[in-house]
Amino acid sequence: MPLILFNKPFQVLCQFSPQDGRTTLADHLDIPGIYPAGRLDADSEGLLLLTDDGQLQHAISHPDRKEAKTYLVQVDGVPDAASLARLQAPLDLGDFITKPCQAVRIAEPDWLWPRHPPIRARQDQPTSWLAITLKEGKNRQVRRMTAAVGLPTLRLVRSSIGPFSLASHPLMPGQWCEVPASALAK
């Protein structure tokens, strides 16, 4: 029962089946019978867990057993204390209200790889980085949260899931490694 950590590159679809010439997980992983335990949209990068164990996949992605996930988010603008407080508190996104989370401003990670293509840069608009840690994961939630507080997401990198992180398992985009499933909290 392998548990695979994969650093999903930008614009890779979180599926193995082909899709109109788009790059998918099959272009990076040739391990029969594994499936993602959770998703990252094509515009997001970073850590993804995959397994061939259906029960483990369900346990990792089930809403009642969500592992904490940390996202490094480059945003358009500079957050103030009020916008950080709004991100951390339950936030009404229209179709659901987020659970409280951690959101802090950080320096740009010096270990982060360059994105291809690079994000758009505007001379008159500063950008900044946030670390947001959630225990839920709705579709495009982090992007919707930052937009709701006036800080549109420019780049989104998931840096950790539960006990696994790109700090403890440094993988470049497209790289993967196998880890023991027993390391996940039961």
Protein backbone atom coordinates (compact mmCIF):
# COMPACT_ATOMS: atom_id res chain seq x y z
CA MET A 1 0.00 0.00 0.00
CA PRO A 2 2.20 2.84 -1.18
CA LEU A 3 1.61 6.42 -0.13
CA ILE A 4 3.13 8.72 -2.71
CA LEU A 5 4.09 12.35 -2.14
CA PHE A 6 4.06 14.23 -5.44
CA ASN A 7 4.95 17.84 -6.16
CA LYS A 8 2.28 18.73 -8.73
CA PRO A 9 3.52 21.25 -11.27
CA PHE A 10 1.51 24.27 -12.41
CA GLN A 11 -1.10 23.46 -15.09
CA VAL A 12 -1.08 19.69 -14.46
CA LEU A 13 -4.59 18.24 -14.11
CA CYS A 14 -5.21 16.15 -10.98
CA GLN A 15 -6.32 13.07 -12.92
CA PHE A 16 -4.77 10.19 -14.84
CA SER A 17 -7.18 10.07 -17.79
CA PRO A 18 -6.19 12.13 -20.85
CA GLN A 19 -7.93 15.46 -21.37
CA ASP A 20 -7.67 17.30 -24.70
CA GLY A 21 -3.87 17.33 -24.83
CA ARG A 22 -3.52 18.79 -21.32
CA THR A 23 -0.81 17.49 -19.00
CA THR A 24 -2.11 15.07 -16.33
CA LEU A 25 -0.68 13.02 -13.48
CA ALA A 26 -0.08 10.19 -15.99
CA ASP A 27 2.63 12.34 -17.60
CA HIS A 28 4.58 12.26 -14.31
CA LEU A 29 3.65 9.06 -12.45
CA ASP A 30 3.79 5.55 -13.90
CA ILE A 31 2.61 3.63 -10.84
CA PRO A 32 -0.33 1.32 -11.54
CA GLY A 33 -3.49 1.61 -9.47
CA ILE A 34 -2.79 4.82 -7.53
CA TYR A 35 -5.26 7.66 -7.18
CA PRO A 36 -5.07 11.14 -5.67
CA ALA A 37 -6.32 11.53 -2.09
CA GLY A 38 -7.64 15.05 -2.55
CA ARG A 39 -7.12 17.47 -5.38
CA LEU A 40 -5.30 20.60 -6.46
CA ASP A 41 -6.70 22.65 -9.32
CA ALA A 42 -4.61 23.06 -12.46
CA ASP A 43 -3.60 26.62 -11.47
CA SER A 44 -2.20 25.42 -8.13
CA GLU A 45 1.12 23.73 -7.43
CA GLY A 46 2.60 21.65 -4.69
CA LEU A 47 2.10 18.64 -2.48
CA LEU A 48 -0.39 15.94 -3.44
CA LEU A 49 -0.87 12.52 -1.80
CA LEU A 50 -1.65 9.44 -3.90
CA THR A 51 -2.35 5.86 -2.85
CA ASP A 52 -3.62 2.54 -4.17
CA ASP A 53 -5.56 1.91 -0.92
CA GLY A 54 -9.19 3.00 -1.25
CA GLN A 55 -9.76 3.06 2.52
CA LEU A 56 -6.68 5.21 3.05
CA GLN A 57 -7.71 7.51 0.19
CA HIS A 58 -11.14 7.92 1.80
CA ALA A 59 -9.65 8.51 5.26
CA ILE A 60 -7.29 11.21 3.96
CA SER A 61 -9.95 13.08 2.01
CA HIS A 62 -13.07 12.51 4.14
CA PRO A 63 -14.41 15.84 5.53
CA ASP A 64 -14.44 14.52 9.11
CA ARG A 65 -10.78 13.44 8.94
CA LYS A 66 -9.21 16.22 6.91
CA GLU A 67 -5.48 16.56 7.46
CA ALA A 68 -4.28 20.13 8.05
CA LYS A 69 -2.96 21.60 4.82
CA THR A 70 -0.71 24.64 4.51
CA TYR A 71 -0.74 26.80 1.40
CA LEU A 72 1.85 29.41 0.47
CA VAL A 73 -0.07 32.14 -1.31
CA GLN A 74 1.34 35.04 -3.29
CA VAL A 75 -1.32 37.76 -3.33
CA ASP A 76 -1.85 40.98 -5.21
CA GLY A 77 -1.42 43.66 -2.54
CA VAL A 78 -0.26 43.81 1.06
CA PRO A 79 -2.48 42.48 3.86
CA ASP A 80 -3.23 44.60 6.88
CA ALA A 81 -4.20 43.29 10.32
CA ALA A 82 -7.91 43.50 9.47
CA SER A 83 -7.62 41.40 6.30
CA LEU A 84 -5.54 38.77 8.13
CA ALA A 85 -8.13 38.68 10.93
CA ARG A 86 -10.93 38.22 8.36
CA LEU A 87 -9.03 35.34 6.71
CA GLN A 88 -8.59 33.60 10.09
CA ALA A 89 -12.19 33.98 11.23
CA PRO A 90 -15.14 32.16 9.64
CA LEU A 91 -15.57 33.87 6.27
CA ASP A 92 -18.84 33.87 4.33
CA LEU A 93 -18.08 32.96 0.72
CA GLY A 94 -21.73 32.91 -0.34
CA ASP A 95 -22.28 29.17 -0.77
CA PHE A 96 -20.50 28.24 2.49
CA ILE A 97 -18.81 29.73 5.53
CA THR A 98 -15.20 28.73 6.10
CA LYS A 99 -13.96 27.26 9.35
CA PRO A 100 -11.44 29.28 11.36
CA CYS A 101 -7.89 28.87 10.07
CA GLN A 102 -4.38 30.19 10.50
CA ALA A 103 -3.24 32.98 8.16
CA VAL A 104 0.03 34.85 8.57
CA ARG A 105 2.16 37.06 6.38
CA ILE A 106 5.52 35.49 5.52
CA ALA A 107 8.63 36.40 3.55
CA GLU A 108 8.82 34.99 0.05
CA PRO A 109 10.11 31.42 0.51
CA ASP A 110 13.73 31.33 -0.67
CA TRP A 111 13.48 27.61 -1.50
CA LEU A 112 10.54 28.02 -3.86
CA TRP A 113 11.15 27.16 -7.51
CA PRO A 114 10.32 29.68 -10.25
CA ARG A 115 6.92 29.18 -11.84
CA HIS A 116 6.66 28.66 -15.59
CA PRO A 117 5.14 30.81 -16.90
CA PRO A 118 5.90 33.40 -14.23
CA ILE A 119 3.07 35.29 -12.55
CA ARG A 120 2.13 38.65 -14.01
CA ALA A 121 4.00 41.52 -12.43
CA ARG A 122 2.77 45.10 -12.21
CA GLN A 123 5.25 47.81 -11.31
CA ASP A 124 2.66 49.85 -9.40
CA GLN A 125 1.17 46.97 -7.38
CA PRO A 126 3.19 45.22 -4.66
CA THR A 127 2.70 41.53 -3.93
CA SER A 128 3.12 39.67 -0.68
CA TRP A 129 3.12 36.09 0.63
CA LEU A 130 0.81 34.43 3.13
CA ALA A 131 0.85 31.01 4.80
CA ILE A 132 -2.72 29.75 5.22
CA THR A 133 -3.40 26.51 7.11
CA LEU A 134 -6.83 24.89 6.69
CA LYS A 135 -8.47 21.72 7.96
CA GLU A 136 -11.07 21.79 5.19
CA GLY A 137 -10.75 22.05 1.47
CA LYS A 138 -13.60 23.26 -0.68
CA ASN A 139 -13.19 23.91 -4.39
CA ARG A 140 -10.84 26.90 -4.92
CA GLN A 141 -11.32 27.85 -1.27
CA VAL A 142 -8.01 29.66 -0.67
CA ARG A 143 -8.38 31.69 -3.88
CA ARG A 144 -11.93 32.61 -2.93
CA MET A 145 -10.89 33.55 0.62
CA THR A 146 -8.09 35.89 -0.45
CA ALA A 147 -10.31 37.49 -3.10
CA ALA A 148 -13.03 38.06 -0.48
CA VAL A 149 -10.63 40.17 1.59
CA GLY A 150 -9.35 42.14 -1.41
CA LEU A 151 -6.11 40.21 -1.98
CA PRO A 152 -6.44 38.19 -5.21
CA THR A 153 -4.25 35.09 -5.39
CA LEU A 154 -1.46 35.22 -7.96
CA ARG A 155 0.28 31.96 -7.04
CA LEU A 156 -0.81 29.08 -4.80
CA VAL A 157 1.55 26.35 -3.58
CA ARG A 158 0.43 23.63 -1.14
CA SER A 159 3.49 23.12 1.04
CA SER A 160 2.20 20.55 3.52
CA ILE A 161 -0.47 17.93 4.21
CA GLY A 162 -0.60 16.59 7.76
CA PRO A 163 2.89 15.41 8.76
CA PHE A 164 4.32 15.68 5.22
CA SER A 165 5.82 18.86 3.81
CA LEU A 166 8.02 20.05 1.01
CA ALA A 167 10.42 21.15 3.76
CA SER A 168 10.78 17.60 5.15
CA HIS A 169 10.55 16.00 1.67
CA PRO A 170 12.12 18.49 -0.76
CA LEU A 171 10.70 17.61 -4.16
CA MET A 172 10.92 19.74 -7.27
CA PRO A 173 7.83 20.02 -9.50
CA GLY A 174 7.14 16.63 -11.13
CA GLN A 175 9.16 14.68 -8.55
CA TRP A 176 7.71 12.12 -6.16
CA CYS A 177 8.71 9.80 -3.36
CA GLU A 178 7.13 6.95 -1.39
CA VAL A 179 6.52 7.36 2.34
CA PRO A 180 5.03 5.07 5.00
CA ALA A 181 1.26 5.46 5.33
CA SER A 182 1.71 4.80 9.05
CA ALA A 183 3.07 8.36 9.39
CA LEU A 184 -0.48 9.71 8.96
CA ALA A 185 -2.43 10.35 12.16
CA LYS A 186 -4.94 7.60 12.82
